[in-house]
Amino acid sequence: MLSTQYRLRLEAICKDVASGTEVSLDDMIWADKLAKSNTSARGMLNTARRIATNPNESFLNELN
């Protein structure tokens, strides 16, 4: 389970990834490390990356 602080930070990063906004290297490293150790964080980051790649594919974006 993610703490509130971690979840909010990860949500902000995922929002930027999904919208195509530039994300700092430090934030991406932090998010990747968190995603390696936490399944819900991994799902959030994967969904954001899918949305960034193909925003119109609603089926794949709803998987996690």
PDB file of N, CA and C in Angstrom:
ATOM      1  N   MET A   1       0.841  -1.174   0.000  1.00  0.00           N
ATOM      2  CA  MET A   1       0.000   0.000   0.000  1.00  0.00           C
ATOM      3  C   MET A   1       0.887   1.239   0.000  1.00  0.00           C
ATOM      4  N   LEU A   2       0.506   2.202  -0.788  1.00  0.00           N
ATOM      5  CA  LEU A   2       1.266   3.445  -0.885  1.00  0.00           C
ATOM      6  C   LEU A   2       0.805   4.441   0.174  1.00  0.00           C
ATOM      7  N   SER A   3       1.753   5.178   0.702  1.00  0.00           N
ATOM      8  CA  SER A   3       1.376   6.249   1.617  1.00  0.00           C
ATOM      9  C   SER A   3       0.714   7.362   0.802  1.00  0.00           C
ATOM     10  N   THR A   4       0.000   8.214   1.484  1.00  0.00           N
ATOM     11  CA  THR A   4      -0.697   9.303   0.806  1.00  0.00           C
ATOM     12  C   THR A   4       0.280  10.197   0.059  1.00  0.00           C
ATOM     13  N   GLN A   5       1.410  10.484   0.680  1.00  0.00           N
ATOM     14  CA  GLN A   5       2.408  11.349   0.060  1.00  0.00           C
ATOM     15  C   GLN A   5       2.970  10.714  -1.216  1.00  0.00           C
ATOM     16  N   TYR A   6       3.299   9.429  -1.165  1.00  0.00           N
ATOM     17  CA  TYR A   6       3.821   8.722  -2.338  1.00  0.00           C
ATOM     18  C   TYR A   6       2.776   8.656  -3.441  1.00  0.00           C
ATOM     19  N   ARG A   7       1.536   8.357  -3.063  1.00  0.00           N
ATOM     20  CA  ARG A   7       0.472   8.237  -4.058  1.00  0.00           C
ATOM     21  C   ARG A   7       0.241   9.559  -4.779  1.00  0.00           C
ATOM     22  N   LEU A   8       0.195  10.647  -4.036  1.00  0.00           N
ATOM     23  CA  LEU A   8      -0.024  11.961  -4.644  1.00  0.00           C
ATOM     24  C   LEU A   8       1.123  12.349  -5.571  1.00  0.00           C
ATOM     25  N   ARG A   9       2.354  12.059  -5.146  1.00  0.00           N
ATOM     26  CA  ARG A   9       3.507  12.367  -6.004  1.00  0.00           C
ATOM     27  C   ARG A   9       3.465  11.524  -7.269  1.00  0.00           C
ATOM     28  N   LEU A  10       3.152  10.233  -7.123  1.00  0.00           N
ATOM     29  CA  LEU A  10       3.086   9.350  -8.285  1.00  0.00           C
ATOM     30  C   LEU A  10       1.943   9.757  -9.212  1.00  0.00           C
ATOM     31  N   GLU A  11       0.806  10.153  -8.672  1.00  0.00           N
ATOM     32  CA  GLU A  11      -0.314  10.601  -9.506  1.00  0.00           C
ATOM     33  C   GLU A  11       0.075  11.828 -10.328  1.00  0.00           C
ATOM     34  N   ALA A  12       0.807  12.754  -9.733  1.00  0.00           N
ATOM     35  CA  ALA A  12       1.246  13.949 -10.454  1.00  0.00           C
ATOM     36  C   ALA A  12       2.203  13.569 -11.584  1.00  0.00           C
ATOM     37  N   ILE A  13       3.105  12.645 -11.312  1.00  0.00           N
ATOM     38  CA  ILE A  13       4.044  12.190 -12.339  1.00  0.00           C
ATOM     39  C   ILE A  13       3.296  11.475 -13.453  1.00  0.00           C
ATOM     40  N   CYS A  14       2.371  10.596 -13.094  1.00  0.00           N
ATOM     41  CA  CYS A  14       1.600   9.858 -14.097  1.00  0.00           C
ATOM     42  C   CYS A  14       0.756  10.795 -14.955  1.00  0.00           C
ATOM     43  N   LYS A  15       0.208  11.821 -14.348  1.00  0.00           N
ATOM     44  CA  LYS A  15      -0.581  12.801 -15.101  1.00  0.00           C
ATOM     45  C   LYS A  15       0.300  13.488 -16.146  1.00  0.00           C
ATOM     46  N   ASP A  16       1.512  13.848 -15.750  1.00  0.00           N
ATOM     47  CA  ASP A  16       2.435  14.488 -16.693  1.00  0.00           C
ATOM     48  C   ASP A  16       2.863  13.525 -17.796  1.00  0.00           C
ATOM     49  N   VAL A  17       3.120  12.283 -17.449  1.00  0.00           N
ATOM     50  CA  VAL A  17       3.510  11.287 -18.447  1.00  0.00           C
ATOM     51  C   VAL A  17       2.377  11.095 -19.453  1.00  0.00           C
ATOM     52  N   ALA A  18       1.159  10.933 -18.957  1.00  0.00           N
ATOM     53  CA  ALA A  18       0.013  10.686 -19.838  1.00  0.00           C
ATOM     54  C   ALA A  18      -0.273  11.864 -20.761  1.00  0.00           C
ATOM     55  N   SER A  19      -0.043  13.078 -20.281  1.00  0.00           N
ATOM     56  CA  SER A  19      -0.333  14.258 -21.102  1.00  0.00           C
ATOM     57  C   SER A  19       0.823  14.635 -22.016  1.00  0.00           C
ATOM     58  N   GLY A  20       1.972  13.995 -21.833  1.00  0.00           N
ATOM     59  CA  GLY A  20       3.122  14.292 -22.679  1.00  0.00           C
ATOM     60  C   GLY A  20       3.972  15.436 -22.173  1.00  0.00           C
ATOM     61  N   THR A  21       3.691  15.886 -20.970  1.00  0.00           N
ATOM     62  CA  THR A  21       4.478  16.954 -20.361  1.00  0.00           C
ATOM     63  C   THR A  21       5.829  16.389 -19.928  1.00  0.00           C
ATOM     64  N   GLU A  22       6.847  17.211 -20.005  1.00  0.00           N
ATOM     65  CA  GLU A  22       8.187  16.764 -19.620  1.00  0.00           C
ATOM     66  C   GLU A  22       8.231  16.480 -18.118  1.00  0.00           C
ATOM     67  N   VAL A  23       8.838  15.344 -17.780  1.00  0.00           N
ATOM     68  CA  VAL A  23       8.989  14.924 -16.382  1.00  0.00           C
ATOM     69  C   VAL A  23      10.478  14.899 -16.068  1.00  0.00           C
ATOM     70  N   SER A  24      10.845  15.393 -14.910  1.00  0.00           N
ATOM     71  CA  SER A  24      12.265  15.437 -14.566  1.00  0.00           C
ATOM     72  C   SER A  24      12.829  14.027 -14.414  1.00  0.00           C
ATOM     73  N   LEU A  25      14.116  13.923 -14.643  1.00  0.00           N
ATOM     74  CA  LEU A  25      14.794  12.630 -14.541  1.00  0.00           C
ATOM     75  C   LEU A  25      14.694  12.074 -13.133  1.00  0.00           C
ATOM     76  N   ASP A  26      14.838  12.927 -12.130  1.00  0.00           N
ATOM     77  CA  ASP A  26      14.739  12.484 -10.737  1.00  0.00           C
ATOM     78  C   ASP A  26      13.365  11.884 -10.439  1.00  0.00           C
ATOM     79  N   ASP A  27      12.311  12.534 -10.955  1.00  0.00           N
ATOM     80  CA  ASP A  27      10.959  12.023 -10.731  1.00  0.00           C
ATOM     81  C   ASP A  27      10.749  10.678 -11.425  1.00  0.00           C
ATOM     82  N   MET A  28      11.266  10.541 -12.643  1.00  0.00           N
ATOM     83  CA  MET A  28      11.096   9.269 -13.367  1.00  0.00           C
ATOM     84  C   MET A  28      11.879   8.147 -12.698  1.00  0.00           C
ATOM     85  N   ILE A  29      13.067   8.438 -12.212  1.00  0.00           N
ATOM     86  CA  ILE A  29      13.849   7.425 -11.493  1.00  0.00           C
ATOM     87  C   ILE A  29      13.099   6.997 -10.244  1.00  0.00           C
ATOM     88  N   TRP A  30      12.566   7.960  -9.512  1.00  0.00           N
ATOM     89  CA  TRP A  30      11.810   7.648  -8.299  1.00  0.00           C
ATOM     90  C   TRP A  30      10.586   6.790  -8.630  1.00  0.00           C
ATOM     91  N   ALA A  31       9.849   7.174  -9.672  1.00  0.00           N
ATOM     92  CA  ALA A  31       8.644   6.436 -10.056  1.00  0.00           C
ATOM     93  C   ALA A  31       8.988   5.022 -10.527  1.00  0.00           C
ATOM     94  N   ASP A  32      10.062   4.864 -11.279  1.00  0.00           N
ATOM     95  CA  ASP A  32      10.463   3.531 -11.736  1.00  0.00           C
ATOM     96  C   ASP A  32      10.877   2.639 -10.575  1.00  0.00           C
ATOM     97  N   LYS A  33      11.629   3.182  -9.631  1.00  0.00           N
ATOM     98  CA  LYS A  33      12.019   2.399  -8.453  1.00  0.00           C
ATOM     99  C   LYS A  33      10.799   1.982  -7.645  1.00  0.00           C
ATOM    100  N   LEU A  34       9.858   2.901  -7.488  1.00  0.00           N
ATOM    101  CA  LEU A  34       8.634   2.591  -6.756  1.00  0.00           C
ATOM    102  C   LEU A  34       7.825   1.527  -7.487  1.00  0.00           C
ATOM    103  N   ALA A  35       7.751   1.643  -8.810  1.00  0.00           N
ATOM    104  CA  ALA A  35       6.982   0.688  -9.610  1.00  0.00           C
ATOM    105  C   ALA A  35       7.591  -0.716  -9.552  1.00  0.00           C
ATOM    106  N   LYS A  36       8.891  -0.807  -9.387  1.00  0.00           N
ATOM    107  CA  LYS A  36       9.540  -2.123  -9.293  1.00  0.00           C
ATOM    108  C   LYS A  36       9.177  -2.837  -7.996  1.00  0.00           C
ATOM    109  N   SER A  37       8.877  -2.069  -6.962  1.00  0.00           N
ATOM    110  CA  SER A  37       8.618  -2.684  -5.667  1.00  0.00           C
ATOM    111  C   SER A  37       7.143  -2.680  -5.258  1.00  0.00           C
ATOM    112  N   ASN A  38       6.286  -2.011  -6.025  1.00  0.00           N
ATOM    113  CA  ASN A  38       4.886  -1.901  -5.639  1.00  0.00           C
ATOM    114  C   ASN A  38       3.990  -2.114  -6.862  1.00  0.00           C
ATOM    115  N   THR A  39       3.099  -3.095  -6.771  1.00  0.00           N
ATOM    116  CA  THR A  39       2.275  -3.451  -7.932  1.00  0.00           C
ATOM    117  C   THR A  39       1.264  -2.366  -8.297  1.00  0.00           C
ATOM    118  N   SER A  40       0.701  -1.673  -7.325  1.00  0.00           N
ATOM    119  CA  SER A  40      -0.262  -0.629  -7.676  1.00  0.00           C
ATOM    120  C   SER A  40       0.444   0.549  -8.337  1.00  0.00           C
ATOM    121  N   ALA A  41       1.644   0.860  -7.892  1.00  0.00           N
ATOM    122  CA  ALA A  41       2.422   1.924  -8.536  1.00  0.00           C
ATOM    123  C   ALA A  41       2.793   1.512  -9.956  1.00  0.00           C
ATOM    124  N   ARG A  42       3.139   0.238 -10.138  1.00  0.00           N
ATOM    125  CA  ARG A  42       3.468  -0.266 -11.471  1.00  0.00           C
ATOM    126  C   ARG A  42       2.275  -0.133 -12.404  1.00  0.00           C
ATOM    127  N   GLY A  43       1.094  -0.456 -11.915  1.00  0.00           N
ATOM    128  CA  GLY A  43      -0.115  -0.339 -12.727  1.00  0.00           C
ATOM    129  C   GLY A  43      -0.416   1.090 -13.110  1.00  0.00           C
ATOM    130  N   MET A  44      -0.246   2.007 -12.176  1.00  0.00           N
ATOM    131  CA  MET A  44      -0.496   3.423 -12.466  1.00  0.00           C
ATOM    132  C   MET A  44       0.467   3.940 -13.537  1.00  0.00           C
ATOM    133  N   LEU A  45       1.731   3.585 -13.406  1.00  0.00           N
ATOM    134  CA  LEU A  45       2.735   4.066 -14.353  1.00  0.00           C
ATOM    135  C   LEU A  45       2.538   3.433 -15.728  1.00  0.00           C
ATOM    136  N   ASN A  46       2.208   2.148 -15.765  1.00  0.00           N
ATOM    137  CA  ASN A  46       1.951   1.485 -17.048  1.00  0.00           C
ATOM    138  C   ASN A  46       0.739   2.090 -17.756  1.00  0.00           C
ATOM    139  N   THR A  47      -0.297   2.387 -17.014  1.00  0.00           N
ATOM    140  CA  THR A  47      -1.486   3.007 -17.600  1.00  0.00           C
ATOM    141  C   THR A  47      -1.151   4.387 -18.166  1.00  0.00           C
ATOM    142  N   ALA A  48      -0.377   5.166 -17.433  1.00  0.00           N
ATOM    143  CA  ALA A  48       0.017   6.498 -17.914  1.00  0.00           C
ATOM    144  C   ALA A  48       0.837   6.391 -19.192  1.00  0.00           C
ATOM    145  N   ARG A  49       1.716   5.412 -19.249  1.00  0.00           N
ATOM    146  CA  ARG A  49       2.536   5.230 -20.453  1.00  0.00           C
ATOM    147  C   ARG A  49       1.684   4.775 -21.636  1.00  0.00           C
ATOM    148  N   ARG A  50       0.701   3.916 -21.377  1.00  0.00           N
ATOM    149  CA  ARG A  50      -0.201   3.482 -22.455  1.00  0.00           C
ATOM    150  C   ARG A  50      -1.015   4.652 -23.005  1.00  0.00           C
ATOM    151  N   ILE A  51      -1.506   5.495 -22.115  1.00  0.00           N
ATOM    152  CA  ILE A  51      -2.283   6.657 -22.537  1.00  0.00           C
ATOM    153  C   ILE A  51      -1.412   7.601 -23.364  1.00  0.00           C
ATOM    154  N   ALA A  52      -0.158   7.776 -22.958  1.00  0.00           N
ATOM    155  CA  ALA A  52       0.744   8.652 -23.700  1.00  0.00           C
ATOM    156  C   ALA A  52       1.030   8.096 -25.088  1.00  0.00           C
ATOM    157  N   THR A  53       1.121   6.774 -25.193  1.00  0.00           N
ATOM    158  CA  THR A  53       1.418   6.143 -26.475  1.00  0.00           C
ATOM    159  C   THR A  53       0.227   6.172 -27.413  1.00  0.00           C
ATOM    160  N   ASN A  54      -0.949   5.825 -26.895  1.00  0.00           N
ATOM    161  CA  ASN A  54      -2.140   5.749 -27.743  1.00  0.00           C
ATOM    162  C   ASN A  54      -3.355   6.193 -26.933  1.00  0.00           C
ATOM    163  N   PRO A  55      -3.649   7.480 -26.893  1.00  0.00           N
ATOM    164  CA  PRO A  55      -4.734   7.991 -26.049  1.00  0.00           C
ATOM    165  C   PRO A  55      -6.136   7.539 -26.468  1.00  0.00           C
ATOM    166  N   ASN A  56      -6.298   7.048 -27.679  1.00  0.00           N
ATOM    167  CA  ASN A  56      -7.627   6.659 -28.152  1.00  0.00           C
ATOM    168  C   ASN A  56      -7.966   5.200 -27.896  1.00  0.00           C
ATOM    169  N   GLU A  57      -7.034   4.413 -27.435  1.00  0.00           N
ATOM    170  CA  GLU A  57      -7.256   2.984 -27.206  1.00  0.00           C
ATOM    171  C   GLU A  57      -7.818   2.792 -25.789  1.00  0.00           C
ATOM    172  N   SER A  58      -9.122   2.923 -25.638  1.00  0.00           N
ATOM    173  CA  SER A  58      -9.741   2.908 -24.314  1.00  0.00           C
ATOM    174  C   SER A  58      -9.655   1.546 -23.637  1.00  0.00           C
ATOM    175  N   PHE A  59      -9.709   0.446 -24.401  1.00  0.00           N
ATOM    176  CA  PHE A  59      -9.665  -0.884 -23.788  1.00  0.00           C
ATOM    177  C   PHE A  59      -8.351  -1.098 -23.053  1.00  0.00           C
ATOM    178  N   LEU A  60      -7.219  -0.838 -23.696  1.00  0.00           N
ATOM    179  CA  LEU A  60      -5.921  -1.050 -23.065  1.00  0.00           C
ATOM    180  C   LEU A  60      -5.688  -0.085 -21.912  1.00  0.00           C
ATOM    181  N   ASN A  61      -6.202   1.127 -22.017  1.00  0.00           N
ATOM    182  CA  ASN A  61      -5.977   2.111 -20.966  1.00  0.00           C
ATOM    183  C   ASN A  61      -6.734   1.777 -19.683  1.00  0.00           C
ATOM    184  N   GLU A  62      -7.751   0.953 -19.764  1.00  0.00           N
ATOM    185  CA  GLU A  62      -8.541   0.591 -18.589  1.00  0.00           C
ATOM    186  C   GLU A  62      -8.072  -0.701 -17.928  1.00  0.00           C
ATOM    187  N   LEU A  63      -7.019  -1.342 -18.432  1.00  0.00           N
ATOM    188  CA  LEU A  63      -6.606  -2.634 -17.903  1.00  0.00           C
ATOM    189  C   LEU A  63      -6.141  -2.595 -16.462  1.00  0.00           C
ATOM    190  N   ASN A  64      -5.390  -1.618 -16.058  1.00  0.00           N
ATOM    191  CA  ASN A  64      -4.885  -1.592 -14.691  1.00  0.00           C
ATOM    192  C   ASN A  64      -5.803  -0.776 -13.822  1.00  0.00           C
TER     193      ASN A  64
END
